[in-house]
N, C-alpha and C. Protein backbone atom coordinates (compact mmCIF):
# COMPACT_ATOMS: atom_id res chain seq x y z
N UNK A 1 28.47 147.00 76.29
CA UNK A 1 28.06 146.20 75.27
C UNK A 1 29.30 145.94 74.32
N UNK A 2 29.49 144.79 73.82
CA UNK A 2 30.49 144.42 72.86
C UNK A 2 30.27 144.91 71.48
N UNK A 3 31.15 145.84 70.93
CA UNK A 3 31.22 146.23 69.63
C UNK A 3 32.52 146.00 68.99
N UNK A 4 32.57 144.98 68.14
CA UNK A 4 33.79 144.64 67.62
C UNK A 4 34.23 145.38 66.44
N UNK A 5 35.49 145.89 66.31
CA UNK A 5 36.02 146.58 65.22
C UNK A 5 37.28 146.04 64.71
N UNK A 6 37.31 145.67 63.42
CA UNK A 6 38.55 145.06 62.84
C UNK A 6 39.35 146.08 62.14
N UNK A 7 40.76 145.95 62.04
CA UNK A 7 41.52 146.85 61.24
C UNK A 7 42.73 146.06 60.86
N UNK A 8 43.45 146.55 59.91
CA UNK A 8 44.75 145.87 59.45
C UNK A 8 44.66 145.29 58.12
N UNK A 9 43.41 145.24 57.54
CA UNK A 9 43.28 144.67 56.14
C UNK A 9 44.02 145.51 55.06
N UNK A 10 44.08 145.06 53.89
CA UNK A 10 44.68 145.86 52.74
C UNK A 10 45.13 144.96 51.68
N UNK A 11 45.86 145.53 50.75
CA UNK A 11 46.34 144.90 49.56
C UNK A 11 47.76 144.42 49.85
N UNK A 12 48.03 143.18 49.78
CA UNK A 12 49.56 142.70 49.80
C UNK A 12 49.88 141.77 48.71
N UNK A 13 51.06 141.58 48.33
CA UNK A 13 51.56 140.84 47.27
C UNK A 13 51.68 139.48 47.99
N UNK A 14 51.45 138.29 46.99
CA UNK A 14 51.63 136.90 47.47
C UNK A 14 53.00 136.75 48.22
N UNK A 15 52.88 135.99 49.20
CA UNK A 15 54.06 135.83 50.14
C UNK A 15 54.35 136.90 51.24
N UNK A 16 53.47 137.91 51.09
CA UNK A 16 53.53 138.97 52.18
C UNK A 16 52.83 138.66 53.49
N UNK A 17 52.90 139.55 54.36
CA UNK A 17 52.22 139.47 55.64
C UNK A 17 51.25 140.71 56.04
N UNK A 18 50.28 140.28 56.83
CA UNK A 18 49.47 141.35 57.41
C UNK A 18 49.13 140.90 58.72
N UNK A 19 48.76 141.82 59.69
CA UNK A 19 48.29 141.51 61.02
C UNK A 19 46.93 142.29 61.07
N UNK A 20 46.02 141.44 61.37
CA UNK A 20 44.61 141.95 61.66
C UNK A 20 44.41 142.20 63.15
N UNK A 21 43.69 143.19 63.48
CA UNK A 21 43.42 143.38 64.82
C UNK A 21 41.74 143.55 64.95
N UNK A 22 41.44 143.09 66.16
CA UNK A 22 39.94 143.20 66.58
C UNK A 22 39.86 143.79 67.98
N UNK A 23 39.30 144.92 68.00
CA UNK A 23 39.17 145.59 69.27
C UNK A 23 37.66 145.79 69.54
N UNK A 24 37.44 146.20 70.87
CA UNK A 24 36.11 146.39 71.28
C UNK A 24 35.51 145.48 72.28
N UNK A 25 36.32 144.59 72.67
CA UNK A 25 35.87 143.71 73.87
C UNK A 25 35.74 144.43 75.17
N UNK A 26 36.58 145.39 75.45
CA UNK A 26 36.37 145.99 76.83
C UNK A 26 37.24 145.19 77.82
N UNK A 27 36.63 143.98 77.92
CA UNK A 27 37.13 142.88 78.78
C UNK A 27 36.84 141.61 78.11
N UNK A 28 37.79 140.65 78.30
CA UNK A 28 37.53 139.33 77.83
C UNK A 28 36.79 138.50 78.87
N UNK A 29 36.25 139.12 79.96
CA UNK A 29 35.51 138.44 80.89
C UNK A 29 34.27 137.76 80.37
N UNK A 30 34.15 136.49 80.68
CA UNK A 30 32.99 135.81 80.04
C UNK A 30 32.98 135.13 78.61
N UNK A 31 34.25 135.64 78.05
CA UNK A 31 34.50 135.19 76.62
C UNK A 31 34.66 133.60 76.56
N UNK A 32 34.00 132.94 75.72
CA UNK A 32 34.17 131.40 75.62
C UNK A 32 35.12 131.04 74.52
N UNK A 33 34.73 131.71 73.38
CA UNK A 33 35.53 131.47 72.12
C UNK A 33 35.74 132.84 71.39
N UNK A 34 36.87 132.94 70.84
CA UNK A 34 37.16 134.12 70.01
C UNK A 34 37.96 133.65 68.76
N UNK A 35 37.58 134.48 67.65
CA UNK A 35 38.47 133.96 66.53
C UNK A 35 38.10 134.69 65.29
N UNK A 36 38.50 134.23 64.17
CA UNK A 36 38.29 134.84 62.84
C UNK A 36 37.75 134.00 61.82
N UNK A 37 36.81 134.64 61.02
CA UNK A 37 36.17 133.88 59.83
C UNK A 37 36.52 134.74 58.65
N UNK A 38 36.38 134.13 57.44
CA UNK A 38 36.52 134.97 56.21
C UNK A 38 35.52 134.42 55.15
N UNK A 39 35.07 135.36 54.45
CA UNK A 39 34.31 135.05 53.43
C UNK A 39 34.63 135.87 51.88
N UNK A 40 34.81 134.89 50.96
CA UNK A 40 35.19 135.39 49.50
C UNK A 40 33.88 135.51 48.86
N UNK A 41 33.87 136.46 47.83
CA UNK A 41 32.78 136.54 47.04
C UNK A 41 32.16 135.27 46.56
N UNK A 42 30.92 135.07 46.72
CA UNK A 42 30.24 133.91 46.18
C UNK A 42 30.45 132.68 46.93
N UNK A 43 31.12 132.79 48.18
CA UNK A 43 31.42 131.59 48.90
C UNK A 43 30.91 131.72 50.36
N UNK A 44 30.73 130.69 51.06
CA UNK A 44 30.32 130.65 52.42
C UNK A 44 31.43 131.36 53.41
N UNK A 45 30.89 131.74 54.53
CA UNK A 45 31.76 132.25 55.62
C UNK A 45 32.43 131.04 56.21
N UNK A 46 33.67 131.01 56.20
CA UNK A 46 34.30 129.84 56.85
C UNK A 46 35.33 130.31 57.99
N UNK A 47 35.50 129.31 58.91
CA UNK A 47 36.41 129.55 60.09
C UNK A 47 37.83 129.63 59.62
N UNK A 48 38.53 130.56 60.06
CA UNK A 48 39.96 130.71 59.89
C UNK A 48 40.76 130.23 61.02
N UNK A 49 40.52 130.79 62.19
CA UNK A 49 41.30 130.33 63.33
C UNK A 49 40.43 130.83 64.62
N UNK A 50 40.51 130.09 65.74
CA UNK A 50 39.83 130.32 66.89
C UNK A 50 40.73 130.05 68.07
N UNK A 51 40.27 130.64 69.23
CA UNK A 51 40.87 130.45 70.44
C UNK A 51 39.77 130.38 71.58
N UNK A 52 39.89 129.33 72.38
CA UNK A 52 38.94 129.26 73.57
C UNK A 52 39.60 129.81 74.71
N UNK A 53 38.79 129.77 75.87
CA UNK A 53 39.18 130.38 77.05
C UNK A 53 40.23 129.71 77.74
N UNK A 54 40.60 128.57 77.26
CA UNK A 54 41.63 127.74 77.94
C UNK A 54 42.97 128.07 77.00
N UNK A 55 42.84 128.87 76.02
CA UNK A 55 43.99 129.01 75.16
C UNK A 55 44.19 128.00 74.14
N UNK A 56 43.28 127.17 73.95
CA UNK A 56 43.39 126.20 72.86
C UNK A 56 43.02 126.77 71.51
N UNK A 57 43.85 126.53 70.53
CA UNK A 57 43.60 127.11 69.15
C UNK A 57 43.31 126.14 68.18
N UNK A 58 42.62 126.56 67.23
CA UNK A 58 42.04 125.78 66.05
C UNK A 58 42.26 126.38 64.84
N UNK A 59 42.83 125.82 63.86
CA UNK A 59 43.08 126.48 62.63
C UNK A 59 42.43 125.85 61.35
N UNK A 60 41.98 126.42 60.36
CA UNK A 60 41.62 125.69 59.09
C UNK A 60 42.88 125.15 58.42
N UNK A 61 42.71 124.07 57.79
CA UNK A 61 43.84 123.39 57.25
C UNK A 61 44.55 124.26 56.26
N UNK A 62 43.83 125.14 55.66
CA UNK A 62 44.36 125.91 54.49
C UNK A 62 45.31 127.01 55.13
N UNK A 63 45.24 127.35 56.36
CA UNK A 63 45.95 128.49 56.83
C UNK A 63 46.97 127.82 57.94
N UNK A 64 46.95 126.59 58.22
CA UNK A 64 47.79 126.01 59.30
C UNK A 64 49.22 126.27 58.96
N UNK A 65 49.93 126.72 60.01
CA UNK A 65 51.42 127.02 59.69
C UNK A 65 51.75 128.34 59.20
N UNK A 66 50.67 129.10 58.64
CA UNK A 66 50.92 130.43 58.12
C UNK A 66 50.24 131.52 59.09
N UNK A 67 49.08 131.14 59.63
CA UNK A 67 48.38 132.09 60.34
C UNK A 67 48.47 131.83 61.79
N UNK A 68 48.45 132.90 62.73
CA UNK A 68 48.36 132.60 64.14
C UNK A 68 47.53 133.56 64.91
N UNK A 69 46.65 133.11 65.56
CA UNK A 69 45.72 133.91 66.37
C UNK A 69 46.22 134.23 67.82
N UNK A 70 46.22 135.32 68.32
CA UNK A 70 46.69 135.59 69.59
C UNK A 70 45.86 136.69 70.24
N UNK A 71 46.14 137.03 71.49
CA UNK A 71 45.42 138.09 72.24
C UNK A 71 46.49 138.89 73.04
N UNK A 72 46.02 140.21 73.16
CA UNK A 72 46.82 141.10 74.19
C UNK A 72 45.78 141.46 75.11
N UNK A 73 45.89 140.78 76.35
CA UNK A 73 44.97 140.98 77.29
C UNK A 73 44.85 142.47 77.90
N UNK A 74 46.12 143.01 77.92
CA UNK A 74 46.16 144.36 78.55
C UNK A 74 45.43 145.30 77.68
N UNK A 75 45.39 144.98 76.31
CA UNK A 75 44.73 146.09 75.38
C UNK A 75 43.39 145.53 74.98
N UNK A 76 43.01 144.32 75.46
CA UNK A 76 41.71 143.69 75.07
C UNK A 76 41.57 143.55 73.62
N UNK A 77 42.53 143.16 72.99
CA UNK A 77 42.66 143.02 71.38
C UNK A 77 42.96 141.57 71.01
N UNK A 78 42.22 141.19 69.99
CA UNK A 78 42.40 139.97 69.27
C UNK A 78 43.29 140.19 68.04
N UNK A 79 44.07 139.32 67.69
CA UNK A 79 44.96 139.52 66.45
C UNK A 79 45.09 138.31 65.63
N UNK A 80 45.17 138.54 64.34
CA UNK A 80 45.41 137.40 63.46
C UNK A 80 46.65 137.70 62.65
N UNK A 81 47.77 137.06 62.92
CA UNK A 81 49.06 137.29 62.08
C UNK A 81 48.84 136.35 60.85
N UNK A 82 49.00 136.92 59.85
CA UNK A 82 48.91 136.28 58.53
C UNK A 82 50.25 136.31 57.79
N UNK A 83 50.92 135.24 57.54
CA UNK A 83 52.22 135.18 56.90
C UNK A 83 52.13 134.32 55.53
N UNK A 84 53.02 134.40 54.74
CA UNK A 84 52.98 133.66 53.49
C UNK A 84 51.62 133.67 52.69
N UNK A 85 51.13 134.96 52.57
CA UNK A 85 49.86 134.98 52.07
C UNK A 85 49.71 134.64 50.66
N UNK A 86 48.57 133.83 50.28
CA UNK A 86 48.39 133.47 48.92
C UNK A 86 47.10 134.07 48.33
N UNK A 87 47.01 134.26 46.97
CA UNK A 87 45.81 134.84 46.45
C UNK A 87 44.44 134.20 46.98
N UNK A 88 44.46 132.88 47.24
CA UNK A 88 43.36 132.38 47.78
C UNK A 88 42.92 132.79 49.12
N UNK A 89 43.69 133.55 49.88
CA UNK A 89 43.38 134.04 51.19
C UNK A 89 42.56 135.36 51.03
N UNK A 90 42.41 135.78 49.81
CA UNK A 90 41.62 137.12 49.50
C UNK A 90 40.07 136.79 50.06
N UNK A 91 39.80 137.72 50.89
CA UNK A 91 38.45 137.60 51.47
C UNK A 91 38.24 138.86 52.36
N UNK A 92 37.03 138.96 52.79
CA UNK A 92 36.53 139.76 53.99
C UNK A 92 36.70 139.02 55.15
N UNK A 93 37.57 139.47 56.20
CA UNK A 93 37.86 138.76 57.36
C UNK A 93 36.95 139.39 58.49
N UNK A 94 36.36 138.55 59.33
CA UNK A 94 35.54 138.94 60.43
C UNK A 94 35.94 138.46 61.69
N UNK A 95 35.96 139.33 62.72
CA UNK A 95 36.23 139.01 64.12
C UNK A 95 34.90 138.45 64.66
N UNK A 96 35.08 137.42 65.46
CA UNK A 96 34.01 136.84 66.13
C UNK A 96 34.26 136.38 67.58
N UNK A 97 33.30 136.64 68.39
CA UNK A 97 33.34 136.11 69.82
C UNK A 97 31.98 135.48 70.30
N UNK A 98 32.28 134.54 71.14
CA UNK A 98 30.93 134.08 71.83
C UNK A 98 31.25 134.40 73.42
N UNK A 99 30.22 135.10 73.99
CA UNK A 99 30.14 135.35 75.30
C UNK A 99 28.80 134.90 75.85
N UNK A 100 28.95 133.90 76.80
CA UNK A 100 27.78 133.22 77.15
C UNK A 100 26.99 132.58 76.04
N UNK A 101 25.72 132.92 75.83
CA UNK A 101 25.03 132.36 74.66
C UNK A 101 25.05 133.41 73.53
N UNK A 102 25.79 134.47 73.46
CA UNK A 102 25.68 135.51 72.47
C UNK A 102 26.79 135.44 71.56
N UNK A 103 26.58 135.63 70.33
CA UNK A 103 27.45 135.76 69.17
C UNK A 103 27.70 137.24 68.77
N UNK A 104 28.91 137.60 68.68
CA UNK A 104 29.16 139.05 68.32
C UNK A 104 30.18 138.98 67.07
N UNK A 105 29.81 139.81 66.18
CA UNK A 105 30.70 139.91 64.85
C UNK A 105 31.15 141.37 64.61
N UNK A 106 32.31 141.39 64.08
CA UNK A 106 32.83 142.68 63.63
C UNK A 106 32.20 143.10 62.17
N UNK A 107 32.63 144.26 61.82
CA UNK A 107 32.03 144.80 60.44
C UNK A 107 32.69 143.97 59.31
N UNK A 108 34.01 143.55 59.52
CA UNK A 108 34.76 142.91 58.49
C UNK A 108 35.81 143.75 57.87
N UNK A 109 36.97 143.23 57.48
CA UNK A 109 38.00 144.12 56.93
C UNK A 109 38.58 143.26 55.67
N UNK A 110 38.74 144.08 54.54
CA UNK A 110 39.07 143.39 53.30
C UNK A 110 40.64 142.96 53.30
N UNK A 111 40.81 141.79 52.83
CA UNK A 111 42.21 141.30 52.53
C UNK A 111 42.35 140.96 51.28
N UNK A 112 43.22 141.60 50.42
CA UNK A 112 43.35 141.23 49.08
C UNK A 112 44.89 140.89 48.76
N UNK A 113 45.08 139.73 48.33
CA UNK A 113 46.39 139.13 48.06
C UNK A 113 46.57 139.08 46.51
N UNK A 114 47.39 139.94 45.97
CA UNK A 114 47.49 139.98 44.45
C UNK A 114 48.73 140.61 44.08
N UNK A 115 49.35 140.17 43.03
CA UNK A 115 50.55 140.75 42.25
C UNK A 115 50.26 141.55 41.17
């Protein structure tokens, strides 16, 4: 059974970088889409970045050119590299995968960008 666990969140100054990790896939067999969402207090949960089974990626306009989603197949881990972080990037970030018709979510990891 898929149980996703995020890590790598924390406090960073504007312009800094963080790399989020999502483990718990066991295997990417059957995965259709994987990616990251984020939710700030009082706001809806929005797509940040995603990658499909063909390796095609999609990014929110607000993070384009700053964030990169990638995978390490040997470690069955999904990453989100976040560079040039801005205060508006502050949110809880959630790992998400679609396997068949099932949606799986991680518990979330807090990212705070502040000086």
